[in-house]
Amino acid sequence: MRLDAFLKKSLLIKRRELANQLCDEGMVRVNGTPRKASHELKVQDELEFPLYNRVLKVRVLDLPGGNVKKADQWSLFEVLEDKRLPLDLAYSDEDPFAPPHKTPRNH
C-alpha cells in the first residue's frame, strides 16, 4: 500500500493532499529514511512524521483493504512515540527531527 494512502486510510492524517505534501517535503520517514508518497509500505514499518505541534512515531500493524471505521483505526498501527513540540516551533521551517539547539556558553 502507498504511504500516502495508508496515512489517510488509517486516519493518522485527515486528507491525502496533506499526506502528499508532507511526503514531498521529506517530512515523513519510513524506518528512519525520508520517503515519497508512492513508497510501498509493509507491515512492521515504522513511520515518523510531524503533525501540527507534535511528532508521531508509529509502527504499521496491518494494511487496510478498503475504508476503515474510526473505531477500527487502532488495529492498523501502534503509537511508539508522541513527542510534543513547543508551540513556537510548531509552524516554523525548522526540521522537527533535528536535535534541539544548544545555546553558547560564556566562560
N, C-alpha and C. Protein backbone atom coordinates (compact mmCIF):
# COMPACT_ATOMS: atom_id res chain seq x y z
N MET A 1 0.85 -1.18 0.00
CA MET A 1 0.00 0.00 0.00
C MET A 1 0.89 1.24 0.00
N ARG A 2 0.47 2.24 -0.74
CA ARG A 2 1.22 3.51 -0.81
C ARG A 2 1.23 4.20 0.55
N LEU A 3 2.32 4.90 0.82
CA LEU A 3 2.48 5.61 2.08
C LEU A 3 1.38 6.64 2.30
N ASP A 4 1.09 7.46 1.30
CA ASP A 4 0.07 8.50 1.47
C ASP A 4 -1.32 7.89 1.68
N ALA A 5 -1.61 6.79 1.02
CA ALA A 5 -2.91 6.13 1.18
C ALA A 5 -3.04 5.56 2.59
N PHE A 6 -1.96 4.98 3.12
CA PHE A 6 -2.02 4.45 4.48
C PHE A 6 -2.27 5.55 5.50
N LEU A 7 -1.55 6.67 5.36
CA LEU A 7 -1.73 7.78 6.30
C LEU A 7 -3.17 8.27 6.30
N LYS A 8 -3.81 8.30 5.14
CA LYS A 8 -5.19 8.74 5.04
C LYS A 8 -6.16 7.69 5.57
N LYS A 9 -6.02 6.45 5.11
CA LYS A 9 -6.97 5.40 5.48
C LYS A 9 -6.88 5.02 6.95
N SER A 10 -5.71 5.17 7.55
CA SER A 10 -5.55 4.86 8.97
C SER A 10 -6.03 6.02 9.84
N LEU A 11 -6.42 7.12 9.21
CA LEU A 11 -6.91 8.33 9.88
C LEU A 11 -5.83 9.03 10.70
N LEU A 12 -4.56 8.74 10.40
CA LEU A 12 -3.47 9.48 11.04
C LEU A 12 -3.44 10.91 10.51
N ILE A 13 -3.71 11.05 9.22
CA ILE A 13 -3.81 12.37 8.58
C ILE A 13 -5.16 12.41 7.88
N LYS A 14 -5.87 13.51 8.06
CA LYS A 14 -7.25 13.61 7.60
C LYS A 14 -7.40 13.69 6.08
N ARG A 15 -6.42 14.30 5.40
CA ARG A 15 -6.53 14.48 3.94
C ARG A 15 -5.32 13.90 3.24
N ARG A 16 -5.55 13.24 2.12
CA ARG A 16 -4.44 12.65 1.36
C ARG A 16 -3.55 13.73 0.78
N GLU A 17 -4.13 14.88 0.46
CA GLU A 17 -3.36 16.00 -0.06
C GLU A 17 -2.29 16.44 0.96
N LEU A 18 -2.66 16.49 2.23
CA LEU A 18 -1.70 16.85 3.27
C LEU A 18 -0.63 15.78 3.41
N ALA A 19 -1.02 14.51 3.32
CA ALA A 19 -0.05 13.41 3.37
C ALA A 19 0.95 13.53 2.23
N ASN A 20 0.46 13.83 1.02
CA ASN A 20 1.35 14.02 -0.14
C ASN A 20 2.31 15.18 0.08
N GLN A 21 1.80 16.27 0.62
CA GLN A 21 2.62 17.45 0.84
C GLN A 21 3.74 17.15 1.85
N LEU A 22 3.41 16.48 2.94
CA LEU A 22 4.42 16.12 3.94
C LEU A 22 5.47 15.19 3.33
N CYS A 23 5.05 14.24 2.53
CA CYS A 23 5.99 13.32 1.89
C CYS A 23 6.89 14.05 0.90
N ASP A 24 6.31 14.94 0.09
CA ASP A 24 7.09 15.69 -0.90
C ASP A 24 8.14 16.58 -0.24
N GLU A 25 7.85 17.08 0.95
CA GLU A 25 8.80 17.92 1.68
C GLU A 25 9.81 17.11 2.48
N GLY A 26 9.73 15.78 2.41
CA GLY A 26 10.68 14.93 3.11
C GLY A 26 10.44 14.85 4.60
N MET A 27 9.22 15.14 5.02
CA MET A 27 8.91 15.16 6.45
C MET A 27 8.42 13.81 6.99
N VAL A 28 8.09 12.88 6.11
CA VAL A 28 7.63 11.56 6.55
C VAL A 28 8.79 10.58 6.36
N ARG A 29 9.15 9.93 7.45
CA ARG A 29 10.26 8.98 7.41
C ARG A 29 9.74 7.57 7.64
N VAL A 30 10.22 6.66 6.82
CA VAL A 30 9.89 5.24 6.97
C VAL A 30 11.17 4.54 7.36
N ASN A 31 11.17 3.93 8.53
CA ASN A 31 12.36 3.27 9.08
C ASN A 31 13.57 4.22 9.08
N GLY A 32 13.32 5.50 9.40
CA GLY A 32 14.38 6.48 9.54
C GLY A 32 14.79 7.19 8.26
N THR A 33 14.22 6.84 7.12
CA THR A 33 14.59 7.42 5.84
C THR A 33 13.41 8.20 5.26
N PRO A 34 13.63 9.46 4.83
CA PRO A 34 12.54 10.21 4.18
C PRO A 34 12.08 9.48 2.92
N ARG A 35 10.76 9.36 2.76
CA ARG A 35 10.21 8.64 1.61
C ARG A 35 9.16 9.48 0.90
N LYS A 36 8.98 9.20 -0.39
CA LYS A 36 7.95 9.85 -1.21
C LYS A 36 6.59 9.20 -0.92
N ALA A 37 5.53 9.87 -1.38
CA ALA A 37 4.17 9.39 -1.16
C ALA A 37 3.92 8.04 -1.82
N SER A 38 4.65 7.73 -2.88
CA SER A 38 4.42 6.48 -3.61
C SER A 38 5.15 5.28 -3.01
N HIS A 39 5.89 5.47 -1.93
CA HIS A 39 6.63 4.37 -1.29
C HIS A 39 5.67 3.28 -0.84
N GLU A 40 5.99 2.03 -1.13
CA GLU A 40 5.15 0.90 -0.74
C GLU A 40 5.46 0.50 0.70
N LEU A 41 4.45 0.58 1.55
CA LEU A 41 4.59 0.22 2.96
C LEU A 41 4.43 -1.28 3.15
N LYS A 42 5.08 -1.79 4.20
CA LYS A 42 4.93 -3.18 4.60
C LYS A 42 4.56 -3.19 6.08
N VAL A 43 4.01 -4.29 6.53
CA VAL A 43 3.72 -4.47 7.95
C VAL A 43 5.05 -4.43 8.70
N GLN A 44 5.06 -3.82 9.87
CA GLN A 44 6.22 -3.64 10.76
C GLN A 44 7.10 -2.45 10.38
N ASP A 45 6.77 -1.71 9.31
CA ASP A 45 7.50 -0.48 9.01
C ASP A 45 7.20 0.54 10.11
N GLU A 46 8.18 1.37 10.43
CA GLU A 46 7.99 2.44 11.42
C GLU A 46 7.95 3.78 10.71
N LEU A 47 6.90 4.54 10.97
CA LEU A 47 6.71 5.86 10.37
C LEU A 47 6.95 6.93 11.41
N GLU A 48 7.56 8.02 10.99
CA GLU A 48 7.76 9.18 11.86
C GLU A 48 7.45 10.42 11.04
N PHE A 49 6.54 11.26 11.57
CA PHE A 49 6.14 12.45 10.83
C PHE A 49 5.60 13.51 11.78
N PRO A 50 5.77 14.80 11.41
CA PRO A 50 5.23 15.88 12.23
C PRO A 50 3.75 16.08 11.91
N LEU A 51 3.00 16.43 12.92
CA LEU A 51 1.58 16.70 12.75
C LEU A 51 1.21 17.80 13.74
N TYR A 52 1.05 19.01 13.19
CA TYR A 52 0.74 20.19 13.99
C TYR A 52 1.84 20.42 15.02
N ASN A 53 1.56 20.33 16.31
CA ASN A 53 2.58 20.65 17.31
C ASN A 53 3.17 19.39 17.94
N ARG A 54 3.26 18.31 17.18
CA ARG A 54 3.83 17.08 17.72
C ARG A 54 4.49 16.27 16.61
N VAL A 55 5.30 15.32 17.01
CA VAL A 55 5.91 14.37 16.08
C VAL A 55 5.47 12.98 16.51
N LEU A 56 4.84 12.27 15.60
CA LEU A 56 4.35 10.92 15.89
C LEU A 56 5.29 9.88 15.31
N LYS A 57 5.50 8.81 16.06
CA LYS A 57 6.24 7.66 15.56
C LYS A 57 5.33 6.46 15.78
N VAL A 58 4.99 5.77 14.70
CA VAL A 58 4.07 4.64 14.77
C VAL A 58 4.64 3.44 14.02
N ARG A 59 4.18 2.25 14.41
CA ARG A 59 4.55 1.02 13.71
C ARG A 59 3.31 0.50 13.00
N VAL A 60 3.46 0.11 11.74
CA VAL A 60 2.36 -0.42 10.95
C VAL A 60 2.09 -1.86 11.39
N LEU A 61 0.86 -2.13 11.83
CA LEU A 61 0.47 -3.48 12.25
C LEU A 61 -0.30 -4.23 11.17
N ASP A 62 -1.05 -3.49 10.35
CA ASP A 62 -1.86 -4.10 9.31
C ASP A 62 -2.11 -3.08 8.21
N LEU A 63 -2.32 -3.55 7.00
CA LEU A 63 -2.63 -2.68 5.87
C LEU A 63 -4.11 -2.82 5.54
N PRO A 64 -4.86 -1.70 5.51
CA PRO A 64 -6.30 -1.79 5.27
C PRO A 64 -6.61 -2.17 3.82
N GLY A 65 -7.69 -2.93 3.67
CA GLY A 65 -8.12 -3.32 2.32
C GLY A 65 -9.02 -2.27 1.70
N GLY A 66 -9.82 -1.61 2.49
CA GLY A 66 -10.75 -0.60 1.98
C GLY A 66 -10.85 0.52 2.99
N ASN A 67 -12.02 1.13 3.06
CA ASN A 67 -12.22 2.20 4.03
C ASN A 67 -12.23 1.63 5.44
N VAL A 68 -11.79 2.44 6.39
CA VAL A 68 -11.65 2.00 7.77
C VAL A 68 -12.58 2.81 8.66
N LYS A 69 -13.28 2.12 9.54
CA LYS A 69 -14.11 2.83 10.52
C LYS A 69 -13.20 3.43 11.58
N LYS A 70 -13.64 4.55 12.14
CA LYS A 70 -12.82 5.24 13.14
C LYS A 70 -12.51 4.32 14.32
N ALA A 71 -13.45 3.49 14.71
CA ALA A 71 -13.25 2.58 15.84
C ALA A 71 -12.20 1.51 15.54
N ASP A 72 -11.98 1.22 14.25
CA ASP A 72 -11.03 0.18 13.86
C ASP A 72 -9.64 0.71 13.51
N GLN A 73 -9.44 2.02 13.55
CA GLN A 73 -8.16 2.58 13.13
C GLN A 73 -7.00 2.11 14.00
N TRP A 74 -7.25 1.83 15.27
CA TRP A 74 -6.18 1.46 16.19
C TRP A 74 -5.64 0.06 15.93
N SER A 75 -6.32 -0.73 15.12
CA SER A 75 -5.81 -2.05 14.77
C SER A 75 -4.77 -1.98 13.65
N LEU A 76 -4.63 -0.80 13.02
CA LEU A 76 -3.72 -0.66 11.89
C LEU A 76 -2.31 -0.21 12.29
N PHE A 77 -2.19 0.44 13.42
CA PHE A 77 -0.89 0.96 13.84
C PHE A 77 -0.77 0.97 15.36
N GLU A 78 0.47 1.07 15.81
CA GLU A 78 0.78 1.16 17.23
C GLU A 78 1.61 2.43 17.43
N VAL A 79 1.21 3.29 18.35
CA VAL A 79 1.95 4.52 18.61
C VAL A 79 3.17 4.17 19.46
N LEU A 80 4.35 4.45 18.93
CA LEU A 80 5.59 4.20 19.65
C LEU A 80 6.04 5.42 20.44
N GLU A 81 5.79 6.60 19.86
CA GLU A 81 6.22 7.85 20.50
C GLU A 81 5.32 8.98 20.03
N ASP A 82 4.96 9.84 20.98
CA ASP A 82 4.15 11.02 20.68
C ASP A 82 4.86 12.20 21.34
N LYS A 83 5.75 12.83 20.57
CA LYS A 83 6.60 13.89 21.10
C LYS A 83 5.96 15.24 20.83
N ARG A 84 5.71 16.01 21.90
CA ARG A 84 5.12 17.34 21.76
C ARG A 84 6.21 18.36 21.48
N LEU A 85 5.91 19.30 20.58
CA LEU A 85 6.82 20.39 20.26
C LEU A 85 6.36 21.65 20.95
N PRO A 86 7.27 22.53 21.34
CA PRO A 86 6.85 23.82 21.87
C PRO A 86 6.02 24.56 20.82
N LEU A 87 5.04 25.31 21.23
CA LEU A 87 4.14 25.97 20.30
C LEU A 87 4.86 26.92 19.36
N ASP A 88 5.95 27.54 19.80
CA ASP A 88 6.66 28.47 18.92
C ASP A 88 7.41 27.75 17.80
N LEU A 89 7.61 26.43 17.90
CA LEU A 89 8.27 25.66 16.84
C LEU A 89 7.27 24.91 15.96
N ALA A 90 6.02 24.88 16.34
CA ALA A 90 5.04 24.03 15.66
C ALA A 90 4.88 24.38 14.18
N TYR A 91 4.93 25.64 13.81
CA TYR A 91 4.71 26.02 12.42
C TYR A 91 5.93 26.68 11.79
N SER A 92 7.09 26.41 12.32
CA SER A 92 8.30 27.03 11.77
C SER A 92 8.86 26.19 10.63
N ASP A 93 9.93 26.69 10.03
CA ASP A 93 10.58 25.98 8.93
C ASP A 93 11.67 25.05 9.43
N GLU A 94 11.86 24.97 10.74
CA GLU A 94 12.92 24.12 11.27
C GLU A 94 12.52 22.65 11.15
N ASP A 95 13.53 21.81 11.05
CA ASP A 95 13.32 20.38 10.97
C ASP A 95 12.91 19.85 12.34
N PRO A 96 11.71 19.25 12.48
CA PRO A 96 11.28 18.76 13.78
C PRO A 96 12.07 17.54 14.24
N PHE A 97 12.84 16.92 13.33
CA PHE A 97 13.63 15.76 13.70
C PHE A 97 15.03 16.14 14.18
N ALA A 98 15.41 17.39 13.98
CA ALA A 98 16.74 17.84 14.37
C ALA A 98 16.84 17.94 15.89
N PRO A 99 18.03 17.68 16.44
CA PRO A 99 18.17 17.84 17.90
C PRO A 99 18.02 19.30 18.29
N PRO A 100 17.62 19.58 19.53
CA PRO A 100 17.43 20.96 19.95
C PRO A 100 18.75 21.75 19.88
N HIS A 101 18.62 23.04 19.59
CA HIS A 101 19.80 23.90 19.52
C HIS A 101 20.38 24.12 20.91
N LYS A 102 21.71 24.15 20.97
CA LYS A 102 22.38 24.43 22.24
C LYS A 102 22.81 25.89 22.23
N THR A 103 22.56 26.58 23.30
CA THR A 103 22.97 27.97 23.39
C THR A 103 24.44 28.02 23.79
N PRO A 104 25.20 28.95 23.20
CA PRO A 104 26.61 29.05 23.53
C PRO A 104 26.80 29.53 24.97
N ARG A 105 27.84 29.02 25.59
CA ARG A 105 28.16 29.41 26.96
C ARG A 105 29.26 30.47 26.94
N ASN A 106 29.16 31.41 27.83
CA ASN A 106 30.22 32.40 28.02
C ASN A 106 31.04 32.00 29.23
N HIS A 107 32.31 31.85 29.02
CA HIS A 107 33.19 31.45 30.13
C HIS A 107 33.98 32.60 30.63
